[in-house]
Protein backbone atom coordinates (compact mmCIF):
# COMPACT_ATOMS: atom_id res chain seq x y z
CA UNK A 1 -3.35 41.71 -86.11
CA UNK A 2 -1.84 42.28 -89.28
CA UNK A 3 0.96 44.81 -89.48
CA UNK A 4 -0.66 46.91 -91.86
CA UNK A 5 -3.74 47.19 -89.93
CA UNK A 6 -2.07 48.94 -86.69
CA UNK A 7 -2.05 52.74 -86.45
CA UNK A 8 1.29 54.77 -85.92
CA UNK A 9 0.57 54.69 -81.99
CA UNK A 10 0.05 51.06 -81.94
CA UNK A 11 3.23 50.49 -83.93
CA UNK A 12 5.34 52.44 -81.60
CA UNK A 13 3.88 51.03 -78.64
CA UNK A 14 5.11 47.67 -79.79
CA UNK A 15 7.85 49.04 -80.85
CA UNK A 16 9.21 50.10 -77.53
CA UNK A 17 8.45 46.66 -76.07
CA UNK A 18 10.13 44.89 -78.90
CA UNK A 19 13.16 47.16 -78.40
CA UNK A 20 13.11 46.24 -74.64
CA UNK A 21 13.22 42.50 -75.16
CA UNK A 22 15.94 43.22 -77.99
CA UNK A 23 18.00 44.95 -75.38
CA UNK A 24 17.71 41.83 -72.97
CA UNK A 25 18.72 39.41 -75.25
CA UNK A 26 21.97 41.47 -75.99
CA UNK A 27 22.82 41.42 -72.29
CA UNK A 28 22.81 37.74 -72.42
CA UNK A 29 25.70 37.12 -74.46
CA UNK A 30 24.37 34.67 -76.39
CA UNK A 31 26.50 32.41 -78.67
CA UNK A 32 23.79 30.55 -80.73
CA UNK A 33 24.08 29.05 -84.59
CA UNK A 34 21.66 28.25 -87.06
CA UNK A 35 23.73 28.27 -90.14
CA UNK A 36 24.26 25.19 -91.62
CA UNK A 37 22.39 21.70 -91.93
CA UNK A 38 24.64 19.51 -89.96
CA UNK A 39 23.19 16.44 -88.04
CA UNK A 40 23.84 16.51 -84.13
CA UNK A 41 26.04 14.71 -82.05
CA UNK A 42 23.04 12.27 -81.31
CA UNK A 43 22.48 11.74 -84.88
CA UNK A 44 25.98 10.94 -85.69
CA UNK A 45 26.32 8.53 -82.82
CA UNK A 46 23.43 6.43 -84.10
CA UNK A 47 26.28 5.15 -86.37
CA UNK A 48 28.69 4.26 -83.78
CA UNK A 49 28.67 0.70 -84.72
CA UNK A 50 30.57 1.54 -87.90
CA UNK A 51 33.71 1.51 -85.71
CA UNK A 52 35.09 -2.20 -85.82
CA UNK A 53 31.96 -3.54 -87.64
CA UNK A 54 34.39 -5.39 -90.09
CA UNK A 55 36.04 -7.53 -87.28
CA UNK A 56 39.25 -8.23 -89.55
CA UNK A 57 37.03 -9.81 -92.20
CA UNK A 58 37.72 -7.46 -95.05
CA UNK A 59 36.69 -9.26 -98.08
CA UNK A 60 33.78 -8.45 -100.45
CA UNK A 61 30.94 -10.73 -101.75
CA UNK A 62 33.19 -11.53 -104.44
CA UNK A 63 36.05 -12.43 -102.42
CA UNK A 64 37.99 -8.76 -103.17
CA UNK A 65 40.29 -7.76 -100.66
CA UNK A 66 38.85 -4.32 -99.61
CA UNK A 67 42.14 -3.13 -98.23
CA UNK A 68 43.95 -3.25 -101.76
CA UNK A 69 43.62 -0.96 -104.95
CA UNK A 70 40.81 -1.28 -107.83
CA UNK A 71 37.24 -1.19 -108.12
CA UNK A 72 36.52 2.32 -109.63
CA UNK A 73 32.92 1.91 -109.79
CA UNK A 74 32.32 0.74 -106.33
CA UNK A 75 31.57 -2.47 -104.75
CA UNK A 76 29.11 -4.50 -105.89
CA UNK A 77 26.93 -4.78 -102.94
CA UNK A 78 27.52 -1.05 -102.10
CA UNK A 79 26.29 -0.37 -106.00
CA UNK A 80 23.18 -2.76 -105.19
CA UNK A 81 22.35 -1.42 -101.88
CA UNK A 82 22.39 2.58 -102.43
CA UNK A 83 21.18 1.91 -106.07
CA UNK A 84 17.75 1.28 -103.86
CA UNK A 85 17.96 4.71 -102.23
CA UNK A 86 18.38 6.43 -105.97
CA UNK A 87 15.64 3.88 -107.61
CA UNK A 88 18.09 2.97 -110.50
CA UNK A 89 19.84 -0.55 -111.52
CA UNK A 90 22.92 -1.18 -109.72
CA UNK A 91 24.63 -1.29 -113.16
CA UNK A 92 23.83 2.29 -113.56
CA UNK A 93 24.90 3.40 -109.96
CA UNK A 94 28.47 4.33 -109.14
CA UNK A 95 29.63 4.61 -105.54
CA UNK A 96 32.49 6.81 -104.69
CA UNK A 97 34.14 8.55 -101.80
CA UNK A 98 32.37 10.51 -98.91
CA UNK A 99 31.06 13.68 -100.90
CA UNK A 100 28.58 13.70 -103.09
CA UNK A 101 29.42 17.37 -103.71
CA UNK A 102 32.76 15.85 -104.97
CA UNK A 103 30.83 13.92 -107.64
CA UNK A 104 28.68 16.83 -108.50
CA UNK A 105 31.72 19.33 -109.08
CA UNK A 106 33.72 16.29 -111.04
CA UNK A 107 30.58 15.95 -113.33
CA UNK A 108 30.08 19.59 -114.29
CA UNK A 109 33.96 19.97 -114.57
CA UNK A 110 34.10 16.94 -116.86
CA UNK A 111 31.11 18.08 -119.00
CA UNK A 112 32.61 21.41 -119.47
CA UNK A 113 36.29 20.67 -120.56
CA UNK A 114 36.10 17.32 -121.82
CA UNK A 115 32.55 16.55 -122.86
CA UNK A 116 30.46 13.63 -121.72
CA UNK A 117 30.48 12.28 -125.46
CA UNK A 118 34.20 13.40 -126.50
CA UNK A 119 35.60 17.02 -127.03
CA UNK A 120 33.37 18.29 -129.73
CA UNK A 121 30.34 17.73 -127.01
CA UNK A 122 32.48 19.87 -124.14
CA UNK A 123 30.40 22.83 -123.23
CA UNK A 124 33.53 25.01 -122.79
CA UNK A 125 33.54 25.02 -126.80
CA UNK A 126 31.04 27.64 -126.21
CA UNK A 127 32.27 31.12 -125.12
CA UNK A 128 28.80 31.08 -122.80
CA UNK A 129 27.22 28.22 -120.78
CA UNK A 130 24.21 28.65 -118.82
CA UNK A 131 22.56 26.57 -115.97
CA UNK A 132 19.08 26.96 -114.33
CA UNK A 133 18.65 27.39 -110.74
CA UNK A 134 15.50 26.88 -108.95
CA UNK A 135 15.52 29.52 -105.94
CA UNK A 136 15.62 29.76 -103.24
CA UNK A 137 17.89 26.87 -103.67
CA UNK A 138 21.32 25.40 -102.63
CA UNK A 139 24.27 27.76 -102.22
CA UNK A 140 27.06 25.22 -102.81
CA UNK A 141 25.07 24.27 -106.23
CA UNK A 142 25.62 27.79 -106.95
CA UNK A 143 29.25 28.22 -105.94
CA UNK A 144 30.21 25.40 -108.40
CA UNK A 145 28.57 27.04 -111.44
CA UNK A 146 30.22 30.47 -110.08
CA UNK A 147 33.16 28.98 -109.76
CA UNK A 148 33.63 27.07 -113.05
CA UNK A 149 32.34 30.62 -115.10
CA UNK A 150 28.82 29.06 -115.74
CA UNK A 151 26.25 31.86 -115.87
CA UNK A 152 23.06 31.13 -113.41
CA UNK A 153 19.54 31.76 -114.55
CA UNK A 154 17.13 32.00 -111.41
CA UNK A 155 14.20 29.89 -111.71
CA UNK A 156 11.55 30.58 -109.14
CA UNK A 157 10.11 27.56 -106.81
CA UNK A 158 6.40 26.58 -106.59
CA UNK A 159 4.81 24.50 -104.49
CA UNK A 160 5.19 21.74 -107.03
CA UNK A 161 8.76 22.39 -107.79
CA UNK A 162 10.57 24.72 -109.94
CA UNK A 163 8.17 26.57 -112.50
CA UNK A 164 8.40 24.26 -115.46
CA UNK A 165 6.49 26.76 -117.75
CA UNK A 166 9.25 28.93 -117.41
CA UNK A 167 11.89 26.29 -117.40
CA UNK A 168 10.71 24.81 -120.46
CA UNK A 169 9.96 28.13 -122.25
CA UNK A 170 14.35 29.13 -121.61
CA UNK A 171 15.51 25.91 -122.65
CA UNK A 172 13.72 25.73 -126.18
CA UNK A 173 14.79 29.38 -126.65
CA UNK A 174 18.56 29.36 -125.56
CA UNK A 175 20.85 26.27 -126.88
CA UNK A 176 23.45 27.63 -124.40
CA UNK A 177 21.55 26.55 -121.49
CA UNK A 178 23.33 23.23 -120.28
CA UNK A 179 22.01 22.05 -117.26
CA UNK A 180 19.46 22.24 -114.49
CA UNK A 181 20.24 21.92 -110.92
CA UNK A 182 17.27 19.79 -108.67
CA UNK A 183 16.85 18.96 -105.14
CA UNK A 184 13.80 17.12 -105.81
CA UNK A 185 12.54 15.95 -102.26
CA UNK A 186 12.78 18.20 -99.47
CA UNK A 187 14.31 20.68 -101.24
CA UNK A 188 16.98 22.77 -99.70
CA UNK A 189 15.74 25.26 -98.13
CA UNK A 190 12.04 25.15 -98.84
CA UNK A 191 11.49 21.19 -97.88
CA UNK A 192 9.15 20.94 -100.76
CA UNK A 193 8.73 17.70 -102.87
CA UNK A 194 8.32 17.97 -106.62
CA UNK A 195 4.95 16.82 -107.79
CA UNK A 196 4.82 13.77 -110.25
CA UNK A 197 4.11 16.27 -113.25
CA UNK A 198 7.16 18.17 -112.22
CA UNK A 199 8.95 15.23 -112.28
CA UNK A 200 7.52 14.07 -115.61
CA UNK A 201 8.02 17.29 -117.40
CA UNK A 202 11.70 17.31 -116.13
CA UNK A 203 12.46 14.02 -117.32
CA UNK A 204 11.45 15.17 -120.84
CA UNK A 205 13.44 18.42 -120.97
CA UNK A 206 16.34 16.34 -123.03
CA UNK A 207 13.93 16.42 -126.09
CA UNK A 208 13.58 20.10 -125.93
CA UNK A 209 16.74 21.11 -124.56
CA UNK A 210 19.84 21.97 -126.10
CA UNK A 211 22.79 19.62 -127.40
CA UNK A 212 24.36 17.86 -124.52
CA UNK A 213 21.78 19.27 -121.67
CA UNK A 214 21.97 17.61 -118.40
CA UNK A 215 19.65 17.51 -115.25
CA UNK A 216 21.75 17.35 -112.02
CA UNK A 217 19.27 15.62 -109.63
CA UNK A 218 20.53 16.13 -106.30
CA UNK A 219 18.46 13.82 -104.17
CA UNK A 220 20.24 14.36 -100.98
CA UNK A 221 17.30 13.91 -98.68
CA UNK A 222 15.47 11.00 -100.30
CA UNK A 223 15.06 9.19 -96.85
CA UNK A 224 15.36 11.77 -94.77
CA UNK A 225 11.59 12.02 -93.51
CA UNK A 226 10.47 13.61 -90.33
CA UNK A 227 6.64 12.22 -90.43
CA UNK A 228 5.44 8.98 -91.82
CA UNK A 229 3.16 10.90 -94.07
CA UNK A 230 5.75 12.56 -95.98
CA UNK A 231 5.22 13.09 -99.62
CA UNK A 232 7.11 9.90 -101.87
CA UNK A 233 8.79 11.32 -105.04
CA UNK A 234 8.15 9.59 -108.46
CA UNK A 235 11.03 8.06 -109.68
CA UNK A 236 12.75 10.09 -112.69
CA UNK A 237 15.05 7.27 -114.09
CA UNK A 238 12.06 5.33 -115.49
CA UNK A 239 10.81 8.33 -117.05
CA UNK A 240 14.04 9.25 -118.61
CA UNK A 241 14.01 5.79 -119.80
CA UNK A 242 10.69 5.91 -121.25
CA UNK A 243 11.50 9.14 -123.32
CA UNK A 244 14.71 8.23 -124.28
CA UNK A 245 16.38 10.90 -121.92
CA UNK A 246 18.79 8.39 -119.71
CA UNK A 247 21.84 10.60 -120.79
CA UNK A 248 20.45 13.82 -120.13
CA UNK A 249 20.25 12.68 -116.31
CA UNK A 250 22.79 12.33 -113.49
CA UNK A 251 21.23 11.34 -109.75
CA UNK A 252 23.17 11.93 -106.62
CA UNK A 253 23.14 10.76 -103.20
CA UNK A 254 24.90 10.17 -100.06
CA UNK A 255 25.20 8.70 -96.48
CA UNK A 256 26.33 12.18 -95.35
CA UNK A 257 23.48 12.78 -92.92
CA UNK A 258 22.49 9.18 -92.59
CA UNK A 259 25.89 7.85 -90.90
CA UNK A 260 29.11 9.90 -90.11
CA UNK A 261 28.73 13.32 -91.90
CA UNK A 262 32.30 13.08 -92.48
CA UNK A 263 32.83 9.68 -93.24
CA UNK A 264 29.95 8.47 -95.20
CA UNK A 265 29.44 7.11 -98.97
CA UNK A 266 28.51 8.92 -101.77
CA UNK A 267 27.03 7.58 -105.14
CA UNK A 268 25.65 8.77 -108.29
CA UNK A 269 23.42 7.11 -111.23
CA UNK A 270 23.15 7.60 -114.82
CA UNK A 271 23.30 6.18 -118.36
CA UNK A 272 25.88 3.23 -118.83
CA UNK A 273 27.37 5.72 -121.66
CA UNK A 274 27.76 8.53 -119.39
CA UNK A 275 29.10 6.22 -116.68
CA UNK A 276 31.68 4.81 -118.63
CA UNK A 277 32.86 8.04 -120.04
CA UNK A 278 32.91 9.59 -116.39
CA UNK A 279 34.96 6.66 -114.90
CA UNK A 280 37.49 7.03 -117.73
CA UNK A 281 38.06 10.56 -116.58
CA UNK A 282 37.84 9.63 -112.70
CA UNK A 283 40.60 6.81 -113.44
CA UNK A 284 43.05 9.80 -113.77
CA UNK A 285 42.65 10.81 -110.68
CA UNK A 286 42.14 7.67 -108.49
CA UNK A 287 42.75 4.14 -108.37
CA UNK A 288 39.81 3.51 -106.79
CA UNK A 289 37.58 4.85 -103.90
CA UNK A 290 37.57 3.65 -99.99
CA UNK A 291 36.17 0.39 -100.40
CA UNK A 292 36.85 -0.33 -96.47
CA UNK A 293 34.16 2.13 -96.19
CA UNK A 294 31.98 1.11 -98.49
CA UNK A 295 31.96 -2.35 -97.26
CA UNK A 296 31.38 -0.95 -93.43
CA UNK A 297 28.40 0.69 -94.49
CA UNK A 298 27.11 -2.16 -96.45
CA UNK A 299 27.32 -4.19 -93.15
CA UNK A 300 25.96 -1.81 -91.11
CA UNK A 301 22.96 -0.55 -93.36
CA UNK A 302 22.25 -4.21 -94.72
CA UNK A 303 19.16 -3.56 -96.76
CA UNK A 304 16.41 -0.76 -97.39
CA UNK A 305 14.37 -2.18 -93.96
CA UNK A 306 17.50 -1.70 -91.88
CA UNK A 307 18.16 1.63 -93.65
CA UNK A 308 14.46 2.85 -92.96
CA UNK A 309 14.46 2.05 -89.15
CA UNK A 310 17.76 3.89 -88.84
CA UNK A 311 16.64 6.93 -90.55
CA UNK A 312 13.45 6.65 -88.25
CA UNK A 313 15.79 6.87 -85.04
CA UNK A 314 17.14 10.05 -87.07
CA UNK A 315 13.58 11.62 -87.40
CA UNK A 316 12.78 10.92 -83.56
CA UNK A 317 15.99 13.24 -82.86
CA UNK A 318 15.31 15.84 -84.99
CA UNK A 319 11.68 16.33 -84.91
CA UNK A 320 11.31 18.20 -81.72
CA UNK A 321 13.71 20.64 -83.11
CA UNK A 322 11.68 21.38 -86.02
CA UNK A 323 8.46 21.46 -84.02
CA UNK A 324 10.02 24.00 -81.78
CA UNK A 325 10.88 26.34 -84.92
CA UNK A 326 7.40 25.78 -86.40
CA UNK A 327 5.33 26.02 -83.27
CA UNK A 328 7.33 29.37 -82.19
CA UNK A 329 6.71 30.94 -85.60
CA UNK A 330 2.93 30.09 -85.80
CA UNK A 331 2.54 31.35 -82.10
CA UNK A 332 4.45 34.78 -82.58
CA UNK A 333 4.10 35.40 -86.51
CA UNK A 334 0.77 33.84 -87.74
CA UNK A 335 -1.46 36.48 -89.34
CA UNK A 336 1.11 39.36 -88.58
CA UNK A 337 1.95 40.05 -92.24
CA UNK A 338 5.93 40.01 -90.61
CA UNK A 339 6.65 36.67 -92.77
CA UNK A 340 6.01 33.53 -94.19
CA UNK A 341 7.55 30.21 -93.72
CA UNK A 342 7.59 26.61 -95.08
CA UNK A 343 6.48 23.43 -92.84
CA UNK A 344 8.43 20.69 -94.34
CA UNK A 345 7.73 17.05 -93.66
CA UNK A 346 11.23 16.16 -94.09
CA UNK A 347 14.75 17.35 -94.90
CA UNK A 348 17.15 19.47 -92.73
CA UNK A 349 15.60 23.19 -93.05
CA UNK A 350 12.86 25.78 -92.54
CA UNK A 351 12.69 28.74 -95.40
CA UNK A 352 11.64 31.87 -93.94
CA UNK A 353 10.57 34.77 -95.98
CA UNK A 354 10.53 38.41 -94.36
CA UNK A 355 8.89 41.34 -95.75
CA UNK A 356 10.65 42.46 -98.96
CA UNK A 357 13.80 44.28 -98.26
CA UNK A 358 14.20 43.01 -94.82
CA UNK A 359 16.41 39.53 -94.81
CA UNK A 360 19.82 41.51 -94.25
CA UNK A 361 18.38 43.43 -91.83
CA UNK A 362 17.46 40.55 -89.57
CA UNK A 363 20.12 38.57 -90.07
CA UNK A 364 22.21 41.94 -88.94
CA UNK A 365 20.06 42.38 -86.06
CA UNK A 366 20.54 38.53 -84.99
CA UNK A 367 24.33 38.78 -85.24
CA UNK A 368 24.11 41.88 -83.24
CA UNK A 369 22.80 39.79 -80.14
CA UNK A 370 24.88 36.62 -81.00
CA UNK A 371 22.50 34.64 -83.01
CA UNK A 372 24.07 33.28 -86.47
CA UNK A 373 22.21 32.75 -89.37
CA UNK A 374 22.81 31.76 -92.88
CA UNK A 375 23.76 35.05 -94.71
CA UNK A 376 20.74 36.78 -96.58
CA UNK A 377 21.09 35.79 -100.14
CA UNK A 378 22.74 32.59 -99.70
CA UNK A 379 20.11 30.76 -101.20
CA UNK A 380 20.06 32.56 -104.53
CA UNK A 381 22.90 32.72 -107.35
CA UNK A 382 25.27 35.18 -106.80
CA UNK A 383 24.17 35.61 -103.19
CA UNK A 384 21.68 38.02 -104.77
CA UNK A 385 17.90 37.56 -103.26
CA UNK A 386 16.23 40.68 -105.59
CA UNK A 387 13.61 41.04 -102.86
CA UNK A 388 15.78 40.56 -100.02
CA UNK A 389 13.47 38.21 -98.42
CA UNK A 390 14.67 34.69 -97.98
CA UNK A 391 16.56 33.40 -94.75
CA UNK A 392 17.43 29.62 -94.19
CA UNK A 393 16.91 28.08 -90.97
CA UNK A 394 18.81 25.04 -89.97
CA UNK A 395 17.62 23.69 -86.61
CA UNK A 396 19.22 20.04 -86.59
CA UNK A 397 22.63 21.11 -84.87
CA UNK A 398 22.08 22.67 -81.63
CA UNK A 399 20.73 21.18 -78.90
CA UNK A 400 16.95 21.59 -78.41
CA UNK A 401 17.24 24.24 -76.05
CA UNK A 402 19.67 26.34 -77.73
CA UNK A 403 17.29 26.08 -80.97
CA UNK A 404 14.38 27.12 -78.48
CA UNK A 405 16.67 29.95 -77.47
CA UNK A 406 17.72 30.96 -80.93
CA UNK A 407 14.07 30.74 -82.41
CA UNK A 408 12.68 33.02 -79.83
CA UNK A 409 15.42 35.51 -80.54
CA UNK A 410 15.10 35.11 -84.25
CA UNK A 411 11.39 36.14 -83.68
CA UNK A 412 12.48 39.21 -81.82
CA UNK A 413 14.65 40.65 -84.86
CA UNK A 414 11.97 39.76 -87.33
CA UNK A 415 9.33 41.90 -85.16
CA UNK A 416 12.00 44.61 -84.76
CA UNK A 417 12.64 45.01 -88.65
CA UNK A 418 9.15 44.90 -89.45
CA UNK A 419 7.70 47.27 -86.94
CA UNK A 420 10.34 49.69 -87.77
CA UNK A 421 9.78 49.64 -91.53
CA UNK A 422 6.09 49.56 -91.13
CA UNK A 423 6.76 52.89 -89.17
CA UNK A 424 9.03 54.50 -91.54
CA UNK A 425 6.40 54.12 -94.34
CA UNK A 426 3.42 55.34 -92.32
CA UNK A 427 4.98 58.63 -91.08
């Protein structure tokens, strides 16, 4: 029964029951963690063959010794392989070190301080620089903006992706808006996939936005499907080429959740003009990336077919964890009015919305019984969720039994916070 239909007496009875369950959990001295979307040990073990795979052969296809300096843009064969992940031409693809976050930070910092098209184009020439941030979204994107002093404007996520009506209106009205963050496939944390119409409208933003506007297309979960029927994503590069907005697009990806999380390969794609400018900037920081690791990944992943088989193995490991979370939420909270949640077909997260004003309370209740959750508000700019509703659940890293224990405890916390709230409202 929906919580709003319960009488004060019925709510009081349910509260007594939930309090007993909560007290019993507190006595268990739990130490459970659903905070960050890290791959589990079984997942990273899928790539153990990377160790020693070169067998003393350090020569790239063109004869380059990858142990030496040089090759700022990455190995040709690495560019060819990872361009297939982003659906971009190899010549528009740059392969770097292990972190796509580093590439994103460097791109924003370069555009802000030096300018993608020279000093007159630097965003920092303006007193104020603004970025559009779909919410709930990725906290590390927001942290980059906050650290660099870029003002963030929250834009709500819809079932089709970010609210494009609002985005188009904002960029037309305000030339100080210089960018848009996107996680287009299996968005963090909602798990949604941008619709074809949304992708096309984003590709056209360069036609209506102010000068030097860029789309930061963080396709972190491009190949991270949980089910074969997961929605595909329309390639944005072809649309940007069609509309003449290639200079307005930067795409990013990595193997961080494909091979070794801390020793993978990151890559980006943009127009050849943007890449030329960015490489000149990066040449002041490094003489070249870890080409040995790039070659290891090329030998290990080999081609799109091998990569697809590898990701099928990943899905088999983490799918039961997601199903445990979703089945528990459905069984315990469906039609209760105490929360709503996403049911992703890929990616790394489940997005849960409490009743308004209760997310922080639920997180605090969970912490008190030994269950760590991502802080409420983390999925919003400046960590400020105006409705205090969103909680990101990350079930991939813990063992399945720990996921089961954690989500059962989480449900008790949601019920406790919700019932207490309704009782206070009705009394």
